N, C-alpha and C. Protein backbone atom coordinates (compact mmCIF):
# COMPACT_ATOMS: atom_id res chain seq x y z
N MET A 1 1.13 -1.21 -0.04
CA MET A 1 0.02 -0.03 -0.07
C MET A 1 0.64 1.23 0.13
N LYS A 2 0.61 2.24 -0.71
CA LYS A 2 1.42 3.56 -0.86
C LYS A 2 0.80 4.44 0.24
N ALA A 3 1.98 4.64 0.93
CA ALA A 3 1.78 5.91 2.04
C ALA A 3 2.33 7.07 1.74
N ASP A 4 1.64 8.14 2.38
CA ASP A 4 2.33 9.79 1.84
C ASP A 4 3.34 9.87 3.06
N GLU A 5 3.30 9.10 4.20
CA GLU A 5 4.26 9.47 5.31
C GLU A 5 4.41 8.10 5.77
N SER A 6 5.64 7.89 6.69
CA SER A 6 5.82 6.91 7.43
C SER A 6 6.62 7.09 8.58
N ILE A 7 5.95 6.51 9.94
CA ILE A 7 6.51 6.75 11.01
C ILE A 7 7.18 5.25 11.44
N ASP A 8 8.33 5.41 12.13
CA ASP A 8 8.92 4.31 12.68
C ASP A 8 8.81 4.09 14.35
N CYS A 9 7.90 3.11 14.51
CA CYS A 9 7.81 2.71 16.00
C CYS A 9 8.35 1.62 16.39
N PHE A 10 9.24 1.14 15.88
CA PHE A 10 9.99 0.17 15.89
C PHE A 10 10.44 -0.16 17.37
N GLY A 11 10.39 -1.16 18.00
CA GLY A 11 10.55 -1.16 19.79
C GLY A 11 9.79 -0.23 20.58
N LEU A 12 8.78 0.23 20.08
CA LEU A 12 8.08 1.16 21.19
C LEU A 12 7.05 0.58 21.67
N MET A 13 6.35 0.55 22.74
CA MET A 13 5.50 -0.11 23.40
C MET A 13 4.33 1.02 23.79
N CYS A 14 3.23 0.23 23.57
CA CYS A 14 1.70 1.13 24.22
C CYS A 14 2.03 2.20 25.30
N PRO A 15 1.84 2.93 25.04
CA PRO A 15 1.05 3.70 24.20
C PRO A 15 1.68 4.77 22.95
N MET A 16 2.89 4.94 23.05
CA MET A 16 3.91 5.30 22.32
C MET A 16 3.50 5.24 20.78
N PRO A 17 3.07 4.43 19.99
CA PRO A 17 2.73 4.28 18.69
C PRO A 17 1.49 5.18 18.37
N ILE A 18 0.58 5.07 19.16
CA ILE A 18 -0.57 5.63 19.16
C ILE A 18 -0.16 7.26 19.25
N ILE A 19 0.56 7.43 20.48
CA ILE A 19 1.02 9.08 20.61
C ILE A 19 1.79 9.50 19.59
N LYS A 20 2.59 8.80 18.69
CA LYS A 20 3.35 9.44 17.48
C LYS A 20 2.38 9.36 16.36
N THR A 21 1.57 8.36 16.29
CA THR A 21 0.47 8.48 15.11
C THR A 21 -0.46 9.63 15.28
N ALA A 22 -1.05 9.94 16.58
CA ALA A 22 -1.80 11.20 16.75
C ALA A 22 -0.89 12.31 16.33
N GLN A 23 0.14 12.64 16.70
CA GLN A 23 1.01 13.87 16.35
C GLN A 23 1.49 14.06 14.94
N THR A 24 1.50 12.83 14.35
CA THR A 24 1.94 12.97 12.47
C THR A 24 0.36 13.25 11.81
N VAL A 25 -0.59 12.41 12.30
CA VAL A 25 -1.80 12.86 11.61
C VAL A 25 -2.17 14.24 11.62
N LYS A 26 -1.90 14.56 12.95
CA LYS A 26 -2.45 16.14 13.18
C LYS A 26 -1.86 16.99 11.94
N ARG A 27 -0.58 17.02 11.77
CA ARG A 27 0.04 17.70 10.62
C ARG A 27 -0.23 17.26 9.26
N MET A 28 -0.72 16.22 8.88
CA MET A 28 -1.09 16.07 7.66
C MET A 28 -2.38 16.31 7.02
N LYS A 29 -2.60 16.24 5.88
CA LYS A 29 -3.49 16.86 5.00
C LYS A 29 -4.78 15.75 5.00
N VAL A 30 -5.90 15.98 4.81
CA VAL A 30 -7.24 15.25 4.60
C VAL A 30 -6.80 14.37 3.66
N GLY A 31 -7.18 13.08 3.36
CA GLY A 31 -6.74 12.11 2.55
C GLY A 31 -5.57 11.32 2.62
N GLN A 32 -4.60 12.19 2.97
CA GLN A 32 -3.34 11.40 2.99
C GLN A 32 -3.29 10.33 3.98
N VAL A 33 -2.25 9.15 3.49
CA VAL A 33 -2.28 8.09 4.44
C VAL A 33 -0.98 8.05 5.10
N LEU A 34 -0.87 7.48 6.23
CA LEU A 34 0.20 7.42 7.42
C LEU A 34 0.53 5.81 7.25
N GLU A 35 1.81 5.33 7.39
CA GLU A 35 2.13 4.10 7.26
C GLU A 35 2.73 4.14 8.93
N VAL A 36 2.35 3.18 9.74
CA VAL A 36 2.95 3.07 11.13
C VAL A 36 3.69 1.92 11.09
N VAL A 37 5.08 1.67 11.18
CA VAL A 37 5.74 0.14 11.33
C VAL A 37 6.30 0.24 12.82
N ALA A 38 5.67 -0.81 13.64
CA ALA A 38 5.57 -1.31 15.02
C ALA A 38 5.85 -2.48 15.04
N THR A 39 6.40 -2.92 16.40
CA THR A 39 6.68 -4.16 16.80
C THR A 39 5.62 -4.87 17.69
N ASP A 40 5.20 -3.81 18.70
CA ASP A 40 4.05 -4.04 19.78
C ASP A 40 2.96 -4.62 19.08
N LYS A 41 2.47 -5.98 19.28
CA LYS A 41 1.35 -6.61 18.65
C LYS A 41 -0.14 -5.62 19.27
N GLY A 42 0.13 -5.13 20.15
CA GLY A 42 -0.96 -4.47 20.85
C GLY A 42 -1.64 -3.34 19.69
N ILE A 43 -0.63 -3.07 18.95
CA ILE A 43 -1.20 -2.31 17.99
C ILE A 43 -2.40 -2.39 16.74
N LYS A 44 -2.33 -3.80 16.87
CA LYS A 44 -3.31 -4.53 16.05
C LYS A 44 -4.85 -4.46 16.56
N GLN A 45 -5.23 -4.17 17.74
CA GLN A 45 -6.50 -3.63 18.44
C GLN A 45 -6.38 -2.10 18.72
N ASP A 46 -4.91 -1.71 19.03
CA ASP A 46 -5.07 -0.32 19.62
C ASP A 46 -5.49 0.52 18.59
N MET A 47 -4.97 0.47 17.29
CA MET A 47 -4.91 1.63 15.89
C MET A 47 -6.55 1.44 15.33
N PRO A 48 -6.91 0.55 15.30
CA PRO A 48 -8.40 0.37 14.81
C PRO A 48 -9.18 1.21 16.05
N ALA A 49 -9.24 0.91 17.27
CA ALA A 49 -9.83 1.53 18.32
C ALA A 49 -9.67 3.27 18.15
N TRP A 50 -8.08 3.55 17.92
CA TRP A 50 -8.02 5.05 18.08
C TRP A 50 -8.59 5.86 16.89
N CYS A 51 -8.56 4.94 15.96
CA CYS A 51 -9.15 5.50 14.40
C CYS A 51 -10.52 5.72 14.65
N LYS A 52 -11.29 4.74 15.42
CA LYS A 52 -12.62 4.76 15.66
C LYS A 52 -13.31 6.09 16.53
N THR A 53 -12.25 6.21 17.42
CA THR A 53 -12.39 7.41 18.45
C THR A 53 -12.29 8.82 17.76
N THR A 54 -11.14 8.88 16.84
CA THR A 54 -10.96 10.05 16.32
C THR A 54 -11.51 10.48 14.63
N GLY A 55 -12.14 9.57 14.39
CA GLY A 55 -12.88 9.57 13.07
C GLY A 55 -11.75 9.31 12.20
N ASN A 56 -10.86 8.76 11.96
CA ASN A 56 -9.62 8.36 10.95
C ASN A 56 -9.90 7.04 10.57
N GLU A 57 -9.35 6.40 9.63
CA GLU A 57 -9.93 5.59 9.03
C GLU A 57 -8.27 4.59 8.86
N CYS A 58 -8.68 3.36 9.50
CA CYS A 58 -7.76 2.19 9.38
C CYS A 58 -7.85 1.32 8.22
N LEU A 59 -6.99 1.70 7.39
CA LEU A 59 -6.93 1.16 6.01
C LEU A 59 -6.59 -0.56 5.96
N ALA A 60 -5.53 -0.68 6.60
CA ALA A 60 -5.09 -2.17 6.53
C ALA A 60 -3.92 -2.37 7.51
N ILE A 61 -3.98 -3.55 7.89
CA ILE A 61 -2.83 -4.10 9.00
C ILE A 61 -1.99 -5.16 8.39
N GLU A 62 -0.86 -5.08 8.28
CA GLU A 62 -0.18 -6.07 7.79
C GLU A 62 0.57 -6.72 8.73
N ASP A 63 0.78 -7.91 9.28
CA ASP A 63 1.31 -8.35 10.42
C ASP A 63 2.48 -9.50 9.60
N LYS A 64 3.58 -9.15 9.62
CA LYS A 64 4.72 -9.74 9.07
C LYS A 64 5.62 -10.60 10.11
N GLY A 65 5.08 -10.91 11.13
CA GLY A 65 5.74 -11.47 12.22
C GLY A 65 6.31 -10.92 13.28
N GLU A 66 7.62 -10.52 13.23
CA GLU A 66 7.98 -9.22 14.08
C GLU A 66 7.73 -7.78 13.73
N GLU A 67 7.65 -7.54 12.91
CA GLU A 67 6.86 -6.20 11.87
C GLU A 67 5.50 -6.29 11.70
N ILE A 68 5.05 -5.11 12.34
CA ILE A 68 3.53 -4.74 11.68
C ILE A 68 3.48 -3.67 11.27
N LYS A 69 2.85 -3.40 9.85
CA LYS A 69 2.64 -2.27 9.39
C LYS A 69 1.17 -1.96 9.34
N VAL A 70 0.87 -0.64 9.87
CA VAL A 70 -0.70 -0.12 9.94
C VAL A 70 -0.65 0.90 8.94
N TYR A 71 -1.72 1.22 8.33
CA TYR A 71 -2.02 2.15 7.36
C TYR A 71 -3.11 2.85 7.98
N VAL A 72 -2.94 4.15 8.09
CA VAL A 72 -4.38 5.17 8.62
C VAL A 72 -4.57 6.39 7.83
N LYS A 73 -5.71 6.63 7.48
CA LYS A 73 -6.11 7.42 6.39
C LYS A 73 -6.56 8.60 6.92
N LYS A 74 -6.29 9.65 7.30
CA LYS A 74 -6.89 11.04 7.73
C LYS A 74 -7.97 11.40 7.03
N VAL A 75 -9.21 11.53 7.78
CA VAL A 75 -10.53 11.39 7.26
C VAL A 75 -10.88 13.21 7.37
N SER A 76 -10.56 13.58 8.66
CA SER A 76 -11.00 14.95 8.76
C SER A 76 -10.13 15.90 9.57
N GLU A 77 -10.30 17.11 9.81
CA GLU A 77 -9.40 17.97 10.67
C GLU A 77 -9.55 17.74 12.13
């Protein structure tokens, strides 16, 4: 999946991937996609919940063993 921006959350535990995502999405434009690369398995539940709460869209979660990629689309300001 093509992303407009990517953040590296490798080795970070909850809630840091969500905090970094929130900071990055805040400065992105509506419609842009953020790729979050993480190792914390909790992101698979945390990111969809964060997206639902904030009104953003969790497009995909790719679990590649140790590395997890999550794609978030900014839906509104």
